[in-house]
Each structure stands twice: as C-alpha cells, then as structure tokens.
C-alpha cells in the first residue's frame, strides 16, 4: 500500500526535523514540500513509522506493508501545484517499482477514521485518479453501504459504519454530511465493483 498524509506543520523543514528525530518515534519514507522538492528519509524497502494504530483490509500492521508519503500542508490550505506535480511523478514510480495497484493508494484517514483526517478535504484525489494513481467513483447502481465499504477495505467491525462513512466522504465527497444517502451507496458500490480489496492484503 501507499499511505498519503499531510504534515499539519508550518514548514517542510520543521516536518523533516520532526520525522528525523528518534525521540519523536515517527517517520515516513518521503516528504514533498510545497515547492515540489522531494526528500527521502527512509529506504522504500525499510519500515517507516508513519501509519500508527489503524486497520485496513484485514491488516493491522500497516507500517510493514506500506510506503508513507508526507505532504507539506497545514491541513487547511490548498495543496500547491508544484507539490501535486511532484507527487504524481513520485507516486507513479513507486506504483511501478512495487507493482501496487491504484486502489491500494489510501488516505491516513482511511485506516484510522476515528483519529485521523489527513490528507483532508482539500486534497485532490480526483486528479490522481485521472492519472491512474488512485480511484474515483463512477455511475453505478446501489448496494448496501456496509457491504461496499468492507469490500473496499474499511474496517467496520473495528471502527463502525459511521466513522468509515465519514472517512469515505472525506476522500470522495467532502461536501456531504448527515445520514447515509443514495449517493454514498452508489459511489461506494461503483468502487467496490471495480476495486475490491485483493486477498493478499488481508492474508499476507
């Protein structure tokens, strides 16, 4: 998997200092600054401590199965064009090198919906999907929402339907709120029909 984060800090330099400080016990493979500069801090073959407690597709040891990318963003501002350009190039290379399918590029909020919201509502997942680097819903019929969310990898038994729906909306429909609706069911169904979780993620 690849997990996308935002730094929630004022500068890339400050984030790199934090991620390289052994006392902080947090790390990531890459950080992309607002100006598009990419800093690699951990070898792709090594474990980085970026995901924390969470669960996705039956896996509760995300750090051992993922590459973490931190994006230089305070959590409120738009993501810069230079950052997004650099992310597309970096992500494309990672997916090719490790044969990772686009539906295994996930948000930090996907694996820890009760405690994380990054990379947040301002992040352009649709842009990544257009480049084949992520996924996006398409027109489809309805199916029960829990069934679709579980097929996509959301851990309903761990976090509950409401938290997983909120994480799903944060990524695919941040303008929606309130009770589950038809649009939620259709969006989730369209993704589940095309990108159900590969068995190796749950069983490896």
C-alpha atoms as a PDB file:
ATOM      1  CA  UNK A   1       0.000   0.000   0.000  1.00  0.00           C
ATOM      2  CA  UNK A   2       0.876   3.676  -0.200  1.00  0.00           C
ATOM      3  CA  UNK A   3      -0.483   5.936   2.545  1.00  0.00           C
ATOM      4  CA  UNK A   4      -0.785   9.689   1.985  1.00  0.00           C
ATOM      5  CA  UNK A   5      -0.533  12.128   4.898  1.00  0.00           C
ATOM      6  CA  UNK A   6      -0.262  15.844   5.464  1.00  0.00           C
ATOM      7  CA  UNK A   7       2.316  17.225   7.868  1.00  0.00           C
ATOM      8  CA  UNK A   8      -0.012  19.671   9.693  1.00  0.00           C
ATOM      9  CA  UNK A   9       3.039  21.871  10.255  1.00  0.00           C
ATOM     10  CA  UNK A  10       4.086  25.339   9.112  1.00  0.00           C
ATOM     11  CA  UNK A  11       7.107  24.292   7.058  1.00  0.00           C
ATOM     12  CA  UNK A  12       8.661  21.302   5.343  1.00  0.00           C
ATOM     13  CA  UNK A  13      11.888  21.917   7.233  1.00  0.00           C
ATOM     14  CA  UNK A  14      10.131  21.648  10.571  1.00  0.00           C
ATOM     15  CA  UNK A  15       8.366  18.474   9.490  1.00  0.00           C
ATOM     16  CA  UNK A  16      11.632  16.875   8.356  1.00  0.00           C
ATOM     17  CA  UNK A  17      13.229  17.677  11.716  1.00  0.00           C
ATOM     18  CA  UNK A  18      10.332  16.005  13.495  1.00  0.00           C
ATOM     19  CA  UNK A  19      10.349  12.962  11.213  1.00  0.00           C
ATOM     20  CA  UNK A  20      14.110  12.502  11.674  1.00  0.00           C
ATOM     21  CA  UNK A  21      14.099  12.914  15.461  1.00  0.00           C
ATOM     22  CA  UNK A  22      14.415   9.461  17.118  1.00  0.00           C
ATOM     23  CA  UNK A  23      12.682  10.719  20.246  1.00  0.00           C
ATOM     24  CA  UNK A  24       9.500  11.504  18.273  1.00  0.00           C
ATOM     25  CA  UNK A  25       9.143   7.866  17.182  1.00  0.00           C
ATOM     26  CA  UNK A  26       7.538   8.858  13.881  1.00  0.00           C
ATOM     27  CA  UNK A  27       8.914   8.662  10.357  1.00  0.00           C
ATOM     28  CA  UNK A  28       7.942   8.477   6.705  1.00  0.00           C
ATOM     29  CA  UNK A  29       9.598   7.351   3.510  1.00  0.00           C
ATOM     30  CA  UNK A  30       9.157  10.657   1.681  1.00  0.00           C
ATOM     31  CA  UNK A  31       8.183  14.259   2.269  1.00  0.00           C
ATOM     32  CA  UNK A  32       7.127  16.564  -0.562  1.00  0.00           C
ATOM     33  CA  UNK A  33       7.498  20.281   0.121  1.00  0.00           C
ATOM     34  CA  UNK A  34       5.161  22.988  -1.151  1.00  0.00           C
ATOM     35  CA  UNK A  35       7.745  23.931  -3.777  1.00  0.00           C
ATOM     36  CA  UNK A  36       7.834  20.361  -5.092  1.00  0.00           C
ATOM     37  CA  UNK A  37      11.159  19.319  -3.561  1.00  0.00           C
ATOM     38  CA  UNK A  38      11.095  15.640  -2.587  1.00  0.00           C
ATOM     39  CA  UNK A  39      13.095  14.457   0.439  1.00  0.00           C
ATOM     40  CA  UNK A  40      13.563  10.739   1.020  1.00  0.00           C
ATOM     41  CA  UNK A  41      14.090   9.844   4.672  1.00  0.00           C
ATOM     42  CA  UNK A  42      13.607   6.069   4.719  1.00  0.00           C
ATOM     43  CA  UNK A  43      14.507   3.494   2.074  1.00  0.00           C
ATOM     44  CA  UNK A  44      11.418   2.128   0.335  1.00  0.00           C
ATOM     45  CA  UNK A  45      12.398  -1.404   1.377  1.00  0.00           C
ATOM     46  CA  UNK A  46      12.530  -0.449   5.058  1.00  0.00           C
ATOM     47  CA  UNK A  47       9.764   0.073   7.580  1.00  0.00           C
ATOM     48  CA  UNK A  48       8.766   3.635   8.442  1.00  0.00           C
ATOM     49  CA  UNK A  49       6.583   4.580  11.417  1.00  0.00           C
ATOM     50  CA  UNK A  50       4.002   6.731   9.657  1.00  0.00           C
ATOM     51  CA  UNK A  51       0.638   4.977   9.962  1.00  0.00           C
ATOM     52  CA  UNK A  52       0.298   4.408  13.690  1.00  0.00           C
ATOM     53  CA  UNK A  53      -2.589   2.434  15.121  1.00  0.00           C
ATOM     54  CA  UNK A  54      -5.136   1.547  12.470  1.00  0.00           C
ATOM     55  CA  UNK A  55      -6.554  -1.187  10.300  1.00  0.00           C
ATOM     56  CA  UNK A  56      -7.202  -1.643   6.585  1.00  0.00           C
ATOM     57  CA  UNK A  57      -8.317  -4.679   4.604  1.00  0.00           C
ATOM     58  CA  UNK A  58      -7.761  -7.042   7.496  1.00  0.00           C
ATOM     59  CA  UNK A  59      -4.286  -5.699   8.196  1.00  0.00           C
ATOM     60  CA  UNK A  60      -3.449  -4.023  11.497  1.00  0.00           C
ATOM     61  CA  UNK A  61       0.299  -3.686  10.829  1.00  0.00           C
ATOM     62  CA  UNK A  62       0.110  -1.063   8.131  1.00  0.00           C
ATOM     63  CA  UNK A  63       3.695   0.149   8.583  1.00  0.00           C
ATOM     64  CA  UNK A  64       5.148  -3.181   7.475  1.00  0.00           C
ATOM     65  CA  UNK A  65       3.066  -3.227   4.286  1.00  0.00           C
ATOM     66  CA  UNK A  66       3.143   0.378   3.117  1.00  0.00           C
ATOM     67  CA  UNK A  67       5.157   3.332   1.888  1.00  0.00           C
ATOM     68  CA  UNK A  68       4.293   6.592   3.637  1.00  0.00           C
ATOM     69  CA  UNK A  69       4.341   9.955   1.873  1.00  0.00           C
ATOM     70  CA  UNK A  70       4.039  13.165   3.885  1.00  0.00           C
ATOM     71  CA  UNK A  71       2.721  16.249   2.068  1.00  0.00           C
ATOM     72  CA  UNK A  72       3.775  19.704   3.229  1.00  0.00           C
ATOM     73  CA  UNK A  73       0.399  21.176   4.122  1.00  0.00           C
ATOM     74  CA  UNK A  74      -1.065  22.760   7.249  1.00  0.00           C
ATOM     75  CA  UNK A  75      -4.357  20.897   6.928  1.00  0.00           C
ATOM     76  CA  UNK A  76      -6.378  23.946   5.859  1.00  0.00           C
ATOM     77  CA  UNK A  77      -4.703  25.334   2.729  1.00  0.00           C
ATOM     78  CA  UNK A  78      -4.951  24.086  -0.856  1.00  0.00           C
ATOM     79  CA  UNK A  79      -2.179  21.752  -1.950  1.00  0.00           C
ATOM     80  CA  UNK A  80       0.257  23.600  -4.206  1.00  0.00           C
ATOM     81  CA  UNK A  81       0.553  22.782  -7.916  1.00  0.00           C
ATOM     82  CA  UNK A  82       4.270  22.067  -7.523  1.00  0.00           C
ATOM     83  CA  UNK A  83       3.590  19.606  -4.719  1.00  0.00           C
ATOM     84  CA  UNK A  84       0.906  17.791  -6.716  1.00  0.00           C
ATOM     85  CA  UNK A  85       3.144  17.595  -9.793  1.00  0.00           C
ATOM     86  CA  UNK A  86       5.942  16.085  -7.701  1.00  0.00           C
ATOM     87  CA  UNK A  87       3.534  13.677  -6.024  1.00  0.00           C
ATOM     88  CA  UNK A  88       2.297  12.381  -9.374  1.00  0.00           C
ATOM     89  CA  UNK A  89       5.856  11.670 -10.505  1.00  0.00           C
ATOM     90  CA  UNK A  90       6.914  10.062  -7.232  1.00  0.00           C
ATOM     91  CA  UNK A  91       3.761   8.014  -6.832  1.00  0.00           C
ATOM     92  CA  UNK A  92       3.883   6.782 -10.416  1.00  0.00           C
ATOM     93  CA  UNK A  93       7.383   5.454  -9.847  1.00  0.00           C
ATOM     94  CA  UNK A  94       6.509   3.767  -6.565  1.00  0.00           C
ATOM     95  CA  UNK A  95       3.461   2.004  -8.007  1.00  0.00           C
ATOM     96  CA  UNK A  96       5.515   0.761 -10.943  1.00  0.00           C
ATOM     97  CA  UNK A  97       8.505  -0.384  -8.867  1.00  0.00           C
ATOM     98  CA  UNK A  98       6.404  -2.307  -6.369  1.00  0.00           C
ATOM     99  CA  UNK A  99       3.528  -3.328  -8.651  1.00  0.00           C
ATOM    100  CA  UNK A 100       0.989  -1.603  -6.404  1.00  0.00           C
ATOM    101  CA  UNK A 101      -2.497  -1.141  -7.901  1.00  0.00           C
ATOM    102  CA  UNK A 102      -4.106   2.287  -7.776  1.00  0.00           C
ATOM    103  CA  UNK A 103      -6.766   1.162  -5.287  1.00  0.00           C
ATOM    104  CA  UNK A 104      -4.037   0.484  -2.729  1.00  0.00           C
ATOM    105  CA  UNK A 105      -3.185   4.174  -2.550  1.00  0.00           C
ATOM    106  CA  UNK A 106      -5.103   5.249   0.535  1.00  0.00           C
ATOM    107  CA  UNK A 107      -5.525   8.153   2.935  1.00  0.00           C
ATOM    108  CA  UNK A 108      -4.311   8.089   6.516  1.00  0.00           C
ATOM    109  CA  UNK A 109      -7.954   8.715   7.416  1.00  0.00           C
ATOM    110  CA  UNK A 110      -8.980   5.501   5.614  1.00  0.00           C
ATOM    111  CA  UNK A 111      -7.015   3.295   8.006  1.00  0.00           C
ATOM    112  CA  UNK A 112      -7.645   5.309  11.185  1.00  0.00           C
ATOM    113  CA  UNK A 113     -11.022   7.045  10.742  1.00  0.00           C
ATOM    114  CA  UNK A 114     -11.584   7.653  14.443  1.00  0.00           C
ATOM    115  CA  UNK A 115      -8.400   9.642  14.975  1.00  0.00           C
ATOM    116  CA  UNK A 116      -7.055  10.912  11.629  1.00  0.00           C
ATOM    117  CA  UNK A 117      -8.406  13.150   8.847  1.00  0.00           C
ATOM    118  CA  UNK A 118      -5.369  13.593   6.595  1.00  0.00           C
ATOM    119  CA  UNK A 119      -4.702  14.351   3.823  1.00  0.00           C
ATOM    120  CA  UNK A 120      -8.092  16.008   4.260  1.00  0.00           C
ATOM    121  CA  UNK A 121     -10.908  17.515   2.263  1.00  0.00           C
ATOM    122  CA  UNK A 122      -8.648  19.878   0.278  1.00  0.00           C
ATOM    123  CA  UNK A 123      -6.626  17.056  -1.272  1.00  0.00           C
ATOM    124  CA  UNK A 124      -7.366  16.351  -4.964  1.00  0.00           C
ATOM    125  CA  UNK A 125      -7.934  12.600  -5.166  1.00  0.00           C
ATOM    126  CA  UNK A 126      -9.789  13.031  -8.454  1.00  0.00           C
ATOM    127  CA  UNK A 127      -6.662  14.442 -10.087  1.00  0.00           C
ATOM    128  CA  UNK A 128      -4.687  11.367  -9.036  1.00  0.00           C
ATOM    129  CA  UNK A 129      -7.429   9.085 -10.331  1.00  0.00           C
ATOM    130  CA  UNK A 130      -7.332  10.758 -13.743  1.00  0.00           C
ATOM    131  CA  UNK A 131      -3.643   9.824 -13.934  1.00  0.00           C
ATOM    132  CA  UNK A 132      -4.289   6.235 -12.862  1.00  0.00           C
ATOM    133  CA  UNK A 133      -2.695   6.831  -9.462  1.00  0.00           C
ATOM    134  CA  UNK A 134      -5.833   6.430  -7.350  1.00  0.00           C
ATOM    135  CA  UNK A 135      -9.511   5.611  -7.821  1.00  0.00           C
ATOM    136  CA  UNK A 136     -12.729   7.588  -8.153  1.00  0.00           C
ATOM    137  CA  UNK A 137     -16.431   6.646  -8.189  1.00  0.00           C
ATOM    138  CA  UNK A 138     -18.393   6.275 -11.416  1.00  0.00           C
ATOM    139  CA  UNK A 139     -22.072   5.823 -12.182  1.00  0.00           C
ATOM    140  CA  UNK A 140     -23.443   2.605 -10.707  1.00  0.00           C
ATOM    141  CA  UNK A 141     -26.460   1.120  -9.018  1.00  0.00           C
ATOM    142  CA  UNK A 142     -26.935   0.885  -5.285  1.00  0.00           C
ATOM    143  CA  UNK A 143     -25.892  -1.874  -2.924  1.00  0.00           C
ATOM    144  CA  UNK A 144     -25.844  -1.914   0.891  1.00  0.00           C
ATOM    145  CA  UNK A 145     -23.269   0.587   2.091  1.00  0.00           C
ATOM    146  CA  UNK A 146     -21.588  -1.657   4.712  1.00  0.00           C
ATOM    147  CA  UNK A 147     -21.071  -4.358   2.093  1.00  0.00           C
ATOM    148  CA  UNK A 148     -19.352  -1.914  -0.271  1.00  0.00           C
ATOM    149  CA  UNK A 149     -17.209  -0.270   2.395  1.00  0.00           C
ATOM    150  CA  UNK A 150     -15.963  -3.626   3.644  1.00  0.00           C
ATOM    151  CA  UNK A 151     -15.150  -4.716   0.085  1.00  0.00           C
ATOM    152  CA  UNK A 152     -13.025  -1.587  -0.294  1.00  0.00           C
ATOM    153  CA  UNK A 153     -11.035  -2.295   2.850  1.00  0.00           C
ATOM    154  CA  UNK A 154     -12.734  -0.172   5.503  1.00  0.00           C
ATOM    155  CA  UNK A 155     -12.788  -1.980   8.843  1.00  0.00           C
ATOM    156  CA  UNK A 156     -16.389  -1.616  10.018  1.00  0.00           C
ATOM    157  CA  UNK A 157     -16.020  -4.119  12.848  1.00  0.00           C
ATOM    158  CA  UNK A 158     -13.133  -2.068  14.244  1.00  0.00           C
ATOM    159  CA  UNK A 159     -14.377   1.498  13.697  1.00  0.00           C
ATOM    160  CA  UNK A 160     -18.121   1.303  12.963  1.00  0.00           C
ATOM    161  CA  UNK A 161     -20.136   2.254   9.902  1.00  0.00           C
ATOM    162  CA  UNK A 162     -20.445   5.946  10.773  1.00  0.00           C
ATOM    163  CA  UNK A 163     -16.693   6.537  11.163  1.00  0.00           C
ATOM    164  CA  UNK A 164     -15.917   4.618   7.983  1.00  0.00           C
ATOM    165  CA  UNK A 165     -18.577   6.534   6.060  1.00  0.00           C
ATOM    166  CA  UNK A 166     -17.080   9.796   7.304  1.00  0.00           C
ATOM    167  CA  UNK A 167     -13.633   8.692   6.101  1.00  0.00           C
ATOM    168  CA  UNK A 168     -15.084   7.629   2.751  1.00  0.00           C
ATOM    169  CA  UNK A 169     -16.817  11.000   2.345  1.00  0.00           C
ATOM    170  CA  UNK A 170     -13.697  12.900   3.381  1.00  0.00           C
ATOM    171  CA  UNK A 171     -11.932  11.362   0.415  1.00  0.00           C
ATOM    172  CA  UNK A 172     -14.660  11.118  -2.227  1.00  0.00           C
ATOM    173  CA  UNK A 173     -17.431  13.570  -1.229  1.00  0.00           C
ATOM    174  CA  UNK A 174     -16.295  16.035   1.462  1.00  0.00           C
ATOM    175  CA  UNK A 175     -19.314  18.247   0.786  1.00  0.00           C
ATOM    176  CA  UNK A 176     -21.739  15.621   2.141  1.00  0.00           C
ATOM    177  CA  UNK A 177     -22.860  15.376   5.745  1.00  0.00           C
ATOM    178  CA  UNK A 178     -25.632  13.831   7.788  1.00  0.00           C
ATOM    179  CA  UNK A 179     -27.183  10.408   7.408  1.00  0.00           C
ATOM    180  CA  UNK A 180     -26.165   7.893   4.769  1.00  0.00           C
ATOM    181  CA  UNK A 181     -27.713   8.733   1.383  1.00  0.00           C
ATOM    182  CA  UNK A 182     -28.238   7.177  -2.021  1.00  0.00           C
ATOM    183  CA  UNK A 183     -25.197   8.957  -3.430  1.00  0.00           C
ATOM    184  CA  UNK A 184     -22.995   7.352  -0.771  1.00  0.00           C
ATOM    185  CA  UNK A 185     -24.318   3.910  -1.625  1.00  0.00           C
ATOM    186  CA  UNK A 186     -23.875   4.424  -5.362  1.00  0.00           C
ATOM    187  CA  UNK A 187     -20.352   5.827  -5.058  1.00  0.00           C
ATOM    188  CA  UNK A 188     -19.210   3.053  -2.755  1.00  0.00           C
ATOM    189  CA  UNK A 189     -20.856   0.404  -4.927  1.00  0.00           C
ATOM    190  CA  UNK A 190     -19.148   1.673  -8.077  1.00  0.00           C
ATOM    191  CA  UNK A 191     -15.738   1.490  -6.419  1.00  0.00           C
ATOM    192  CA  UNK A 192     -16.362  -1.889  -4.786  1.00  0.00           C
ATOM    193  CA  UNK A 193     -17.427  -3.363  -8.118  1.00  0.00           C
ATOM    194  CA  UNK A 194     -14.089  -2.379  -9.685  1.00  0.00           C
ATOM    195  CA  UNK A 195     -11.599  -2.255  -6.842  1.00  0.00           C
ATOM    196  CA  UNK A 196     -12.489  -4.809  -4.187  1.00  0.00           C
ATOM    197  CA  UNK A 197      -9.563  -5.494  -1.865  1.00  0.00           C
ATOM    198  CA  UNK A 198      -7.059  -8.031  -3.149  1.00  0.00           C
ATOM    199  CA  UNK A 199      -6.897 -11.134  -0.923  1.00  0.00           C
ATOM    200  CA  UNK A 200      -3.146 -10.822  -0.351  1.00  0.00           C
ATOM    201  CA  UNK A 201      -3.629  -7.613   1.638  1.00  0.00           C
ATOM    202  CA  UNK A 202      -5.786  -9.383   4.178  1.00  0.00           C
ATOM    203  CA  UNK A 203      -3.889 -12.658   4.212  1.00  0.00           C
ATOM    204  CA  UNK A 204      -0.217 -11.748   3.806  1.00  0.00           C
END
